Amino acid sequence: MSFHQSCDLIRIEVRGDYTALLAAAYDGNGGETVPAELNLDEQIGNGDGWFVRGGSNFTQTAQDIELEFREDGPWLTAVLREVDGEDRVRQGINLAEHIENQNGNLVWIVSLL
């Protein structure tokens, strides 16, 4: 199950050279929530102005980093720099497809690709 269905207070914080995803995650033990955090730069990179899963350090080449809540889940969006130094228009990646809550811990979903 995607993390956004079992978490509250979902938000991001840009912390210098990385972006953290923060939430109050239900731990599966009677409905209690615990603080949960995940460094998004560990698994999300910038591929010539596009978000790529399996990369890293997108924050270093991003501007206007935001979290948008859409019908299909929370999206990380930003203006990303291309390899030629130009900025690509705002891009997004659906975090609901890549992260889940496992007993109060935000973890990356293992990609089968």
PDB file of N, CA and C in Angstrom:
ATOM      1  N   MET A   1       0.853  -1.179   0.000  1.00  0.00           N
ATOM      2  CA  MET A   1       0.000   0.000   0.000  1.00  0.00           C
ATOM      3  C   MET A   1       0.896   1.238   0.000  1.00  0.00           C
ATOM      4  N   SER A   2       0.550   2.197  -0.804  1.00  0.00           N
ATOM      5  CA  SER A   2       1.330   3.423  -0.862  1.00  0.00           C
ATOM      6  C   SER A   2       1.266   4.164   0.464  1.00  0.00           C
ATOM      7  N   PHE A   3       2.331   4.863   0.783  1.00  0.00           N
ATOM      8  CA  PHE A   3       2.452   5.534   2.071  1.00  0.00           C
ATOM      9  C   PHE A   3       1.366   6.573   2.317  1.00  0.00           C
ATOM     10  N   HIS A   4       0.900   7.246   1.283  1.00  0.00           N
ATOM     11  CA  HIS A   4      -0.042   8.349   1.504  1.00  0.00           C
ATOM     12  C   HIS A   4      -1.393   7.875   2.030  1.00  0.00           C
ATOM     13  N   GLN A   5      -1.679   6.576   1.902  1.00  0.00           N
ATOM     14  CA  GLN A   5      -2.937   6.029   2.400  1.00  0.00           C
ATOM     15  C   GLN A   5      -2.862   5.653   3.877  1.00  0.00           C
ATOM     16  N   SER A   6      -1.667   5.666   4.448  1.00  0.00           N
ATOM     17  CA  SER A   6      -1.504   5.297   5.856  1.00  0.00           C
ATOM     18  C   SER A   6      -0.631   6.303   6.616  1.00  0.00           C
ATOM     19  N   CYS A   7      -0.630   7.545   6.133  1.00  0.00           N
ATOM     20  CA  CYS A   7       0.135   8.610   6.790  1.00  0.00           C
ATOM     21  C   CYS A   7      -0.687   9.893   6.830  1.00  0.00           C
ATOM     22  N   ASP A   8      -0.373  10.731   7.784  1.00  0.00           N
ATOM     23  CA  ASP A   8      -0.939  12.073   7.889  1.00  0.00           C
ATOM     24  C   ASP A   8       0.202  13.076   7.872  1.00  0.00           C
ATOM     25  N   LEU A   9      -0.160  14.340   7.732  1.00  0.00           N
ATOM     26  CA  LEU A   9       0.814  15.440   7.809  1.00  0.00           C
ATOM     27  C   LEU A   9       1.996  15.243   6.875  1.00  0.00           C
ATOM     28  N   ILE A  10       1.716  14.809   5.658  1.00  0.00           N
ATOM     29  CA  ILE A  10       2.766  14.553   4.667  1.00  0.00           C
ATOM     30  C   ILE A  10       3.287  15.891   4.144  1.00  0.00           C
ATOM     31  N   ARG A  11       4.613  16.019   4.117  1.00  0.00           N
ATOM     32  CA  ARG A  11       5.235  17.258   3.665  1.00  0.00           C
ATOM     33  C   ARG A  11       6.680  16.976   3.255  1.00  0.00           C
ATOM     34  N   ILE A  12       7.307  17.971   2.635  1.00  0.00           N
ATOM     35  CA  ILE A  12       8.729  17.872   2.322  1.00  0.00           C
ATOM     36  C   ILE A  12       9.454  19.040   2.963  1.00  0.00           C
ATOM     37  N   GLU A  13      10.751  18.862   3.170  1.00  0.00           N
ATOM     38  CA  GLU A  13      11.642  19.926   3.621  1.00  0.00           C
ATOM     39  C   GLU A  13      12.899  19.858   2.785  1.00  0.00           C
ATOM     40  N   VAL A  14      13.284  20.993   2.206  1.00  0.00           N
ATOM     41  CA  VAL A  14      14.552  21.077   1.494  1.00  0.00           C
ATOM     42  C   VAL A  14      15.591  21.458   2.539  1.00  0.00           C
ATOM     43  N   ARG A  15      16.577  20.609   2.701  1.00  0.00           N
ATOM     44  CA  ARG A  15      17.601  20.769   3.738  1.00  0.00           C
ATOM     45  C   ARG A  15      18.976  20.909   3.098  1.00  0.00           C
ATOM     46  N   GLY A  16      19.200  22.054   2.513  1.00  0.00           N
ATOM     47  CA  GLY A  16      20.491  22.283   1.872  1.00  0.00           C
ATOM     48  C   GLY A  16      20.628  21.478   0.604  1.00  0.00           C
ATOM     49  N   ASP A  17      21.408  20.380   0.667  1.00  0.00           N
ATOM     50  CA  ASP A  17      21.689  19.602  -0.541  1.00  0.00           C
ATOM     51  C   ASP A  17      20.808  18.367  -0.703  1.00  0.00           C
ATOM     52  N   TYR A  18      19.760  18.231   0.123  1.00  0.00           N
ATOM     53  CA  TYR A  18      18.828  17.118  -0.072  1.00  0.00           C
ATOM     54  C   TYR A  18      17.420  17.527   0.356  1.00  0.00           C
ATOM     55  N   THR A  19      16.450  16.735  -0.101  1.00  0.00           N
ATOM     56  CA  THR A  19      15.048  16.973   0.217  1.00  0.00           C
ATOM     57  C   THR A  19      14.525  15.777   1.006  1.00  0.00           C
ATOM     58  N   ALA A  20      13.884  16.063   2.139  1.00  0.00           N
ATOM     59  CA  ALA A  20      13.340  15.010   3.002  1.00  0.00           C
ATOM     60  C   ALA A  20      11.828  14.971   2.880  1.00  0.00           C
ATOM     61  N   LEU A  21      11.283  13.758   2.844  1.00  0.00           N
ATOM     62  CA  LEU A  21       9.851  13.523   2.932  1.00  0.00           C
ATOM     63  C   LEU A  21       9.547  13.214   4.387  1.00  0.00           C
ATOM     64  N   LEU A  22       8.571  13.922   4.962  1.00  0.00           N
ATOM     65  CA  LEU A  22       8.210  13.747   6.365  1.00  0.00           C
ATOM     66  C   LEU A  22       6.735  13.410   6.467  1.00  0.00           C
ATOM     67  N   ALA A  23       6.381  12.604   7.470  1.00  0.00           N
ATOM     68  CA  ALA A  23       4.977  12.236   7.664  1.00  0.00           C
ATOM     69  C   ALA A  23       4.776  11.710   9.079  1.00  0.00           C
ATOM     70  N   ALA A  24       3.526  11.705   9.484  1.00  0.00           N
ATOM     71  CA  ALA A  24       3.103  10.986  10.682  1.00  0.00           C
ATOM     72  C   ALA A  24       2.556   9.660  10.164  1.00  0.00           C
ATOM     73  N   ALA A  25       3.300   8.584  10.368  1.00  0.00           N
ATOM     74  CA  ALA A  25       2.976   7.291   9.767  1.00  0.00           C
ATOM     75  C   ALA A  25       2.310   6.376  10.788  1.00  0.00           C
ATOM     76  N   TYR A  26       1.211   5.770  10.388  1.00  0.00           N
ATOM     77  CA  TYR A  26       0.559   4.788  11.255  1.00  0.00           C
ATOM     78  C   TYR A  26       1.466   3.568  11.360  1.00  0.00           C
ATOM     79  N   ASP A  27       1.659   3.104  12.597  1.00  0.00           N
ATOM     80  CA  ASP A  27       2.607   2.013  12.816  1.00  0.00           C
ATOM     81  C   ASP A  27       1.978   0.628  12.782  1.00  0.00           C
ATOM     82  N   GLY A  28       0.675   0.536  12.592  1.00  0.00           N
ATOM     83  CA  GLY A  28       0.011  -0.758  12.520  1.00  0.00           C
ATOM     84  C   GLY A  28      -0.315  -1.356  13.874  1.00  0.00           C
ATOM     85  N   ASN A  29      -0.030  -0.638  14.941  1.00  0.00           N
ATOM     86  CA  ASN A  29      -0.287  -1.128  16.301  1.00  0.00           C
ATOM     87  C   ASN A  29      -1.362  -0.284  16.965  1.00  0.00           C
ATOM     88  N   GLY A  30      -2.603  -0.488  16.581  1.00  0.00           N
ATOM     89  CA  GLY A  30      -3.694   0.217  17.221  1.00  0.00           C
ATOM     90  C   GLY A  30      -3.917   1.642  16.774  1.00  0.00           C
ATOM     91  N   GLY A  31      -3.434   1.987  15.620  1.00  0.00           N
ATOM     92  CA  GLY A  31      -3.729   3.305  15.082  1.00  0.00           C
ATOM     93  C   GLY A  31      -2.849   4.436  15.564  1.00  0.00           C
ATOM     94  N   GLU A  32      -1.718   4.135  16.189  1.00  0.00           N
ATOM     95  CA  GLU A  32      -0.789   5.172  16.626  1.00  0.00           C
ATOM     96  C   GLU A  32       0.040   5.648  15.439  1.00  0.00           C
ATOM     97  N   THR A  33       0.408   6.925  15.460  1.00  0.00           N
ATOM     98  CA  THR A  33       1.312   7.444  14.439  1.00  0.00           C
ATOM     99  C   THR A  33       2.668   7.723  15.062  1.00  0.00           C
ATOM    100  N   VAL A  34       3.691   7.594  14.224  1.00  0.00           N
ATOM    101  CA  VAL A  34       5.055   7.882  14.638  1.00  0.00           C
ATOM    102  C   VAL A  34       5.677   8.788  13.587  1.00  0.00           C
ATOM    103  N   PRO A  35       6.628   9.644  13.972  1.00  0.00           N
ATOM    104  CA  PRO A  35       7.307  10.474  12.985  1.00  0.00           C
ATOM    105  C   PRO A  35       8.107   9.591  12.019  1.00  0.00           C
ATOM    106  N   ALA A  36       7.985   9.876  10.736  1.00  0.00           N
ATOM    107  CA  ALA A  36       8.720   9.119   9.721  1.00  0.00           C
ATOM    108  C   ALA A  36       9.385  10.088   8.757  1.00  0.00           C
ATOM    109  N   GLU A  37      10.545   9.697   8.262  1.00  0.00           N
ATOM    110  CA  GLU A  37      11.320  10.557   7.370  1.00  0.00           C
ATOM    111  C   GLU A  37      12.060   9.708   6.351  1.00  0.00           C
ATOM    112  N   LEU A  38      12.198  10.253   5.130  1.00  0.00           N
ATOM    113  CA  LEU A  38      12.927   9.564   4.071  1.00  0.00           C
ATOM    114  C   LEU A  38      13.668  10.604   3.238  1.00  0.00           C
ATOM    115  N   ASN A  39      14.951  10.364   2.976  1.00  0.00           N
ATOM    116  CA  ASN A  39      15.749  11.239   2.123  1.00  0.00           C
ATOM    117  C   ASN A  39      15.424  10.909   0.666  1.00  0.00           C
ATOM    118  N   LEU A  40      14.742  11.812  -0.024  1.00  0.00           N
ATOM    119  CA  LEU A  40      14.325  11.558  -1.404  1.00  0.00           C
ATOM    120  C   LEU A  40      15.503  11.535  -2.369  1.00  0.00           C
ATOM    121  N   ASP A  41      16.596  12.204  -2.007  1.00  0.00           N
ATOM    122  CA  ASP A  41      17.762  12.254  -2.890  1.00  0.00           C
ATOM    123  C   ASP A  41      18.529  10.940  -2.948  1.00  0.00           C
ATOM    124  N   GLU A  42      18.203   9.987  -2.075  1.00  0.00           N
ATOM    125  CA  GLU A  42      18.865   8.683  -2.112  1.00  0.00           C
ATOM    126  C   GLU A  42      18.440   7.861  -3.323  1.00  0.00           C
ATOM    127  N   GLN A  43      17.223   8.106  -3.853  1.00  0.00           N
ATOM    128  CA  GLN A  43      16.707   7.280  -4.940  1.00  0.00           C
ATOM    129  C   GLN A  43      16.131   8.075  -6.106  1.00  0.00           C
ATOM    130  N   ILE A  44      16.142   9.402  -6.023  1.00  0.00           N
ATOM    131  CA  ILE A  44      15.592  10.210  -7.114  1.00  0.00           C
ATOM    132  C   ILE A  44      16.693  11.128  -7.636  1.00  0.00           C
ATOM    133  N   GLY A  45      16.881  11.080  -8.941  1.00  0.00           N
ATOM    134  CA  GLY A  45      17.903  11.905  -9.578  1.00  0.00           C
ATOM    135  C   GLY A  45      17.321  12.760 -10.679  1.00  0.00           C
ATOM    136  N   ASN A  46      18.207  13.458 -11.367  1.00  0.00           N
ATOM    137  CA  ASN A  46      17.854  14.314 -12.487  1.00  0.00           C
ATOM    138  C   ASN A  46      18.514  13.748 -13.732  1.00  0.00           C
ATOM    139  N   GLY A  47      17.694  13.304 -14.677  1.00  0.00           N
ATOM    140  CA  GLY A  47      18.184  12.800 -15.955  1.00  0.00           C
ATOM    141  C   GLY A  47      17.885  13.805 -17.052  1.00  0.00           C
ATOM    142  N   ASP A  48      18.784  14.762 -17.254  1.00  0.00           N
ATOM    143  CA  ASP A  48      18.634  15.795 -18.280  1.00  0.00           C
ATOM    144  C   ASP A  48      17.318  16.556 -18.151  1.00  0.00           C
ATOM    145  N   GLY A  49      16.976  16.927 -16.918  1.00  0.00           N
ATOM    146  CA  GLY A  49      15.778  17.728 -16.697  1.00  0.00           C
ATOM    147  C   GLY A  49      14.531  16.937 -16.383  1.00  0.00           C
ATOM    148  N   TRP A  50      14.665  15.621 -16.222  1.00  0.00           N
ATOM    149  CA  TRP A  50      13.540  14.745 -15.882  1.00  0.00           C
ATOM    150  C   TRP A  50      13.849  14.040 -14.575  1.00  0.00           C
ATOM    151  N   PHE A  51      12.845  13.851 -13.713  1.00  0.00           N
ATOM    152  CA  PHE A  51      13.036  13.041 -12.525  1.00  0.00           C
ATOM    153  C   PHE A  51      13.269  11.596 -12.945  1.00  0.00           C
ATOM    154  N   VAL A  52      14.244  10.931 -12.310  1.00  0.00           N
ATOM    155  CA  VAL A  52      14.497   9.525 -12.576  1.00  0.00           C
ATOM    156  C   VAL A  52      14.634   8.778 -11.252  1.00  0.00           C
ATOM    157  N   ARG A  53      13.955   7.659 -11.159  1.00  0.00           N
ATOM    158  CA  ARG A  53      14.075   6.786  -9.993  1.00  0.00           C
ATOM    159  C   ARG A  53      15.318   5.937 -10.193  1.00  0.00           C
ATOM    160  N   GLY A  54      16.069   5.733  -9.147  1.00  0.00           N
ATOM    161  CA  GLY A  54      17.310   4.977  -9.236  1.00  0.00           C
ATOM    162  C   GLY A  54      18.511   5.898  -9.392  1.00  0.00           C
ATOM    163  N   GLY A  55      18.258   7.179  -9.568  1.00  0.00           N
ATOM    164  CA  GLY A  55      19.336   8.151  -9.584  1.00  0.00           C
ATOM    165  C   GLY A  55      19.530   8.685  -8.179  1.00  0.00           C
ATOM    166  N   SER A  56      20.171   9.834  -8.080  1.00  0.00           N
ATOM    167  CA  SER A  56      20.363  10.447  -6.770  1.00  0.00           C
ATOM    168  C   SER A  56      20.625  11.942  -6.927  1.00  0.00           C
ATOM    169  N   ASN A  57      20.453  12.655  -5.831  1.00  0.00           N
ATOM    170  CA  ASN A  57      20.857  14.053  -5.702  1.00  0.00           C
ATOM    171  C   ASN A  57      20.132  15.030  -6.629  1.00  0.00           C
ATOM    172  N   PHE A  58      18.844  14.825  -6.879  1.00  0.00           N
ATOM    173  CA  PHE A  58      18.101  15.752  -7.731  1.00  0.00           C
ATOM    174  C   PHE A  58      18.087  17.163  -7.162  1.00  0.00           C
ATOM    175  N   THR A  59      18.105  17.295  -5.841  1.00  0.00           N
ATOM    176  CA  THR A  59      17.987  18.610  -5.203  1.00  0.00           C
ATOM    177  C   THR A  59      19.074  19.568  -5.672  1.00  0.00           C
ATOM    178  N   GLN A  60      20.254  19.054  -5.969  1.00  0.00           N
ATOM    179  CA  GLN A  60      21.380  19.900  -6.357  1.00  0.00           C
ATOM    180  C   GLN A  60      21.168  20.612  -7.684  1.00  0.00           C
ATOM    181  N   THR A  61      20.238  20.122  -8.513  1.00  0.00           N
ATOM    182  CA  THR A  61      19.984  20.740  -9.817  1.00  0.00           C
ATOM    183  C   THR A  61      18.508  21.118  -9.970  1.00  0.00           C
ATOM    184  N   ALA A  62      17.852  21.388  -8.841  1.00  0.00           N
ATOM    185  CA  ALA A  62      16.414  21.685  -8.865  1.00  0.00           C
ATOM    186  C   ALA A  62      16.126  23.055  -8.272  1.00  0.00           C
ATOM    187  N   GLN A  63      15.032  23.647  -8.748  1.00  0.00           N
ATOM    188  CA  GLN A  63      14.520  24.899  -8.213  1.00  0.00           C
ATOM    189  C   GLN A  63      13.030  24.729  -7.941  1.00  0.00           C
ATOM    190  N   ASP A  64      12.525  25.522  -7.021  1.00  0.00           N
ATOM    191  CA  ASP A  64      11.082  25.541  -6.726  1.00  0.00           C
ATOM    192  C   ASP A  64      10.541  24.142  -6.419  1.00  0.00           C
ATOM    193  N   ILE A  65      11.195  23.434  -5.521  1.00  0.00           N
ATOM    194  CA  ILE A  65      10.788  22.077  -5.148  1.00  0.00           C
ATOM    195  C   ILE A  65       9.520  22.155  -4.305  1.00  0.00           C
ATOM    196  N   GLU A  66       8.502  21.405  -4.728  1.00  0.00           N
ATOM    197  CA  GLU A  66       7.213  21.418  -4.035  1.00  0.00           C
ATOM    198  C   GLU A  66       6.621  20.022  -3.977  1.00  0.00           C
ATOM    199  N   LEU A  67       5.658  19.851  -3.073  1.00  0.00           N
ATOM    200  CA  LEU A  67       4.873  18.632  -2.992  1.00  0.00           C
ATOM    201  C   LEU A  67       3.448  18.995  -3.369  1.00  0.00           C
ATOM    202  N   GLU A  68       2.924  18.337  -4.402  1.00  0.00           N
ATOM    203  CA  GLU A  68       1.562  18.591  -4.868  1.00  0.00           C
ATOM    204  C   GLU A  68       0.704  17.362  -4.582  1.00  0.00           C
ATOM    205  N   PHE A  69      -0.447  17.593  -3.988  1.00  0.00           N
ATOM    206  CA  PHE A  69      -1.364  16.491  -3.708  1.00  0.00           C
ATOM    207  C   PHE A  69      -2.371  16.394  -4.840  1.00  0.00           C
ATOM    208  N   ARG A  70      -2.323  15.273  -5.546  1.00  0.00           N
ATOM    209  CA  ARG A  70      -3.206  15.020  -6.673  1.00  0.00           C
ATOM    210  C   ARG A  70      -4.091  13.820  -6.349  1.00  0.00           C
ATOM    211  N   GLU A  71      -5.027  13.565  -7.224  1.00  0.00           N
ATOM    212  CA  GLU A  71      -5.971  12.466  -7.013  1.00  0.00           C
ATOM    213  C   GLU A  71      -5.281  11.114  -6.858  1.00  0.00           C
ATOM    214  N   ASP A  72      -4.168  10.906  -7.574  1.00  0.00           N
ATOM    215  CA  ASP A  72      -3.465   9.626  -7.534  1.00  0.00           C
ATOM    216  C   ASP A  72      -2.305   9.599  -6.544  1.00  0.00           C
ATOM    217  N   GLY A  73      -2.211  10.616  -5.676  1.00  0.00           N
ATOM    218  CA  GLY A  73      -1.176  10.616  -4.649  1.00  0.00           C
ATOM    219  C   GLY A  73      -0.343  11.879  -4.660  1.00  0.00           C
ATOM    220  N   PRO A  74       0.619  11.956  -3.743  1.00  0.00           N
ATOM    221  CA  PRO A  74       1.496  13.127  -3.672  1.00  0.00           C
ATOM    222  C   PRO A  74       2.592  13.073  -4.736  1.00  0.00           C
ATOM    223  N   TRP A  75       2.770  14.193  -5.400  1.00  0.00           N
ATOM    224  CA  TRP A  75       3.781  14.322  -6.451  1.00  0.00           C
ATOM    225  C   TRP A  75       4.864  15.282  -6.004  1.00  0.00           C
ATOM    226  N   LEU A  76       6.113  14.878  -6.173  1.00  0.00           N
ATOM    227  CA  LEU A  76       7.251  15.764  -6.004  1.00  0.00           C
ATOM    228  C   LEU A  76       7.424  16.496  -7.321  1.00  0.00           C
ATOM    229  N   THR A  77       7.430  17.833  -7.285  1.00  0.00           N
ATOM    230  CA  THR A  77       7.585  18.610  -8.514  1.00  0.00           C
ATOM    231  C   THR A  77       8.714  19.625  -8.337  1.00  0.00           C
ATOM    232  N   ALA A  78       9.324  19.988  -9.452  1.00  0.00           N
ATOM    233  CA  ALA A  78      10.401  20.974  -9.437  1.00  0.00           C
ATOM    234  C   ALA A  78      10.743  21.366 -10.864  1.00  0.00           C
ATOM    235  N   VAL A  79      11.469  22.458 -10.984  1.00  0.00           N
ATOM    236  CA  VAL A  79      12.089  22.843 -12.245  1.00  0.00           C
ATOM    237  C   VAL A  79      13.505  22.268 -12.193  1.00  0.00           C
ATOM    238  N   LEU A  80      13.820  21.370 -13.127  1.00  0.00           N
ATOM    239  CA  LEU A  80      15.112  20.690 -13.127  1.00  0.00           C
ATOM    240  C   LEU A  80      16.005  21.202 -14.255  1.00  0.00           C
ATOM    241  N   ARG A  81      17.286  21.298 -13.962  1.00  0.00           N
ATOM    242  CA  ARG A  81      18.271  21.762 -14.939  1.00  0.00           C
ATOM    243  C   ARG A  81      18.609  20.631 -15.910  1.00  0.00           C
ATOM    244  N   GLU A  82      18.710  20.985 -17.187  1.00  0.00           N
ATOM    245  CA  GLU A  82      19.131  20.043 -18.217  1.00  0.00           C
ATOM    246  C   GLU A  82      20.661  20.033 -18.282  1.00  0.00           C
ATOM    247  N   VAL A  83      21.242  19.062 -18.984  1.00  0.00           N
ATOM    248  CA  VAL A  83      22.699  18.977 -19.067  1.00  0.00           C
ATOM    249  C   VAL A  83      23.314  20.182 -19.765  1.00  0.00           C
ATOM    250  N   ASP A  84      22.560  20.857 -20.640  1.00  0.00           N
ATOM    251  CA  ASP A  84      23.090  22.038 -21.326  1.00  0.00           C
ATOM    252  C   ASP A  84      22.983  23.303 -20.476  1.00  0.00           C
ATOM    253  N   GLY A  85      22.489  23.163 -19.236  1.00  0.00           N
ATOM    254  CA  GLY A  85      22.398  24.299 -18.326  1.00  0.00           C
ATOM    255  C   GLY A  85      21.068  25.027 -18.348  1.00  0.00           C
ATOM    256  N   GLU A  86      20.216  24.694 -19.305  1.00  0.00           N
ATOM    257  CA  GLU A  86      18.892  25.312 -19.372  1.00  0.00           C
ATOM    258  C   GLU A  86      17.965  24.633 -18.366  1.00  0.00           C
ATOM    259  N   ASP A  87      16.874  25.317 -18.023  1.00  0.00           N
ATOM    260  CA  ASP A  87      15.874  24.735 -17.133  1.00  0.00           C
ATOM    261  C   ASP A  87      14.732  24.157 -17.945  1.00  0.00           C
ATOM    262  N   ARG A  88      14.370  22.911 -17.629  1.00  0.00           N
ATOM    263  CA  ARG A  88      13.206  22.288 -18.251  1.00  0.00           C
ATOM    264  C   ARG A  88      11.969  22.798 -17.508  1.00  0.00           C
ATOM    265  N   VAL A  89      10.825  22.795 -18.141  1.00  0.00           N
ATOM    266  CA  VAL A  89       9.595  23.198 -17.461  1.00  0.00           C
ATOM    267  C   VAL A  89       9.358  22.271 -16.270  1.00  0.00           C
ATOM    268  N   ARG A  90       8.502  22.669 -15.342  1.00  0.00           N
ATOM    269  CA  ARG A  90       8.243  21.908 -14.118  1.00  0.00           C
ATOM    270  C   ARG A  90       7.939  20.451 -14.441  1.00  0.00           C
ATOM    271  N   GLN A  91       8.639  19.561 -13.726  1.00  0.00           N
ATOM    272  CA  GLN A  91       8.481  18.119 -13.879  1.00  0.00           C
ATOM    273  C   GLN A  91       7.938  17.541 -12.587  1.00  0.00           C
ATOM    274  N   GLY A  92       7.445  16.316 -12.639  1.00  0.00           N
ATOM    275  CA  GLY A  92       6.930  15.685 -11.436  1.00  0.00           C
ATOM    276  C   GLY A  92       7.140  14.187 -11.436  1.00  0.00           C
ATOM    277  N   ILE A  93       7.141  13.628 -10.225  1.00  0.00           N
ATOM    278  CA  ILE A  93       7.218  12.186 -10.043  1.00  0.00           C
ATOM    279  C   ILE A  93       6.227  11.821  -8.947  1.00  0.00           C
ATOM    280  N   ASN A  94       5.431  10.809  -9.196  1.00  0.00           N
ATOM    281  CA  ASN A  94       4.406  10.376  -8.254  1.00  0.00           C
ATOM    282  C   ASN A  94       5.059   9.533  -7.155  1.00  0.00           C
ATOM    283  N   LEU A  95       5.198  10.110  -5.974  1.00  0.00           N
ATOM    284  CA  LEU A  95       5.843   9.399  -4.879  1.00  0.00           C
ATOM    285  C   LEU A  95       5.040   8.188  -4.416  1.00  0.00           C
ATOM    286  N   ALA A  96       3.725   8.188  -4.654  1.00  0.00           N
ATOM    287  CA  ALA A  96       2.880   7.059  -4.268  1.00  0.00           C
ATOM    288  C   ALA A  96       3.288   5.777  -4.988  1.00  0.00           C
ATOM    289  N   GLU A  97       3.913   5.884  -6.143  1.00  0.00           N
ATOM    290  CA  GLU A  97       4.336   4.709  -6.901  1.00  0.00           C
ATOM    291  C   GLU A  97       5.688   4.163  -6.438  1.00  0.00           C
ATOM    292  N   HIS A  98       6.374   4.893  -5.556  1.00  0.00           N
ATOM    293  CA  HIS A  98       7.745   4.530  -5.208  1.00  0.00           C
ATOM    294  C   HIS A  98       8.013   4.345  -3.719  1.00  0.00           C
ATOM    295  N   ILE A  99       7.064   4.748  -2.864  1.00  0.00           N
ATOM    296  CA  ILE A  99       7.302   4.723  -1.419  1.00  0.00           C
ATOM    297  C   ILE A  99       6.105   4.096  -0.721  1.00  0.00           C
ATOM    298  N   GLU A 100       6.387   3.310   0.326  1.00  0.00           N
ATOM    299  CA  GLU A 100       5.313   2.755   1.136  1.00  0.00           C
ATOM    300  C   GLU A 100       5.638   2.908   2.617  1.00  0.00           C
ATOM    301  N   ASN A 101       4.615   2.738   3.429  1.00  0.00           N
ATOM    302  CA  ASN A 101       4.745   2.774   4.879  1.00  0.00           C
ATOM    303  C   ASN A 101       4.771   1.335   5.372  1.00  0.00           C
ATOM    304  N   GLN A 102       5.874   0.943   6.002  1.00  0.00           N
ATOM    305  CA  GLN A 102       5.982  -0.391   6.582  1.00  0.00           C
ATOM    306  C   GLN A 102       6.104  -0.233   8.097  1.00  0.00           C
ATOM    307  N   ASN A 103       4.969  -0.374   8.784  1.00  0.00           N
ATOM    308  CA  ASN A 103       4.932  -0.305  10.247  1.00  0.00           C
ATOM    309  C   ASN A 103       5.538   0.982  10.800  1.00  0.00           C
ATOM    310  N   GLY A 104       5.228   2.094  10.147  1.00  0.00           N
ATOM    311  CA  GLY A 104       5.697   3.382  10.630  1.00  0.00           C
ATOM    312  C   GLY A 104       6.999   3.855  10.024  1.00  0.00           C
ATOM    313  N   ASN A 105       7.540   3.095   9.085  1.00  0.00           N
ATOM    314  CA  ASN A 105       8.779   3.485   8.400  1.00  0.00           C
ATOM    315  C   ASN A 105       8.506   3.723   6.923  1.00  0.00           C
ATOM    316  N   LEU A 106       8.953   4.837   6.399  1.00  0.00           N
ATOM    317  CA  LEU A 106       8.841   5.104   4.970  1.00  0.00           C
ATOM    318  C   LEU A 106       9.987   4.388   4.268  1.00  0.00           C
ATOM    319  N   VAL A 107       9.639   3.548   3.290  1.00  0.00           N
ATOM    320  CA  VAL A 107      10.648   2.764   2.584  1.00  0.00           C
ATOM    321  C   VAL A 107      10.384   2.817   1.076  1.00  0.00           C
ATOM    322  N   TRP A 108      11.452   2.640   0.330  1.00  0.00           N
ATOM    323  CA  TRP A 108      11.353   2.595  -1.134  1.00  0.00           C
ATOM    324  C   TRP A 108      10.755   1.270  -1.554  1.00  0.00           C
ATOM    325  N   ILE A 109       9.820   1.324  -2.479  1.00  0.00           N
ATOM    326  CA  ILE A 109       9.270   0.113  -3.080  1.00  0.00           C
ATOM    327  C   ILE A 109      10.320  -0.437  -4.029  1.00  0.00           C
ATOM    328  N   VAL A 110      10.596  -1.724  -3.926  1.00  0.00           N
ATOM    329  CA  VAL A 110      11.592  -2.353  -4.786  1.00  0.00           C
ATOM    330  C   VAL A 110      11.071  -2.346  -6.209  1.00  0.00           C
ATOM    331  N   SER A 111      11.856  -1.793  -7.117  1.00  0.00           N
ATOM    332  CA  SER A 111      11.470  -1.748  -8.520  1.00  0.00           C
ATOM    333  C   SER A 111      11.811  -3.073  -9.193  1.00  0.00           C
ATOM    334  N   LEU A 112      10.890  -3.579  -9.988  1.00  0.00           N
ATOM    335  CA  LEU A 112      11.114  -4.827 -10.710  1.00  0.00           C
ATOM    336  C   LEU A 112      11.716  -4.595 -12.083  1.00  0.00           C
ATOM    337  N   LEU A 113      11.953  -3.346 -12.432  1.00  0.00           N
ATOM    338  CA  LEU A 113      12.516  -3.049 -13.755  1.00  0.00           C
ATOM    339  C   LEU A 113      14.004  -3.155 -13.766  1.00  0.00           C
TER     340      LEU A 113
END
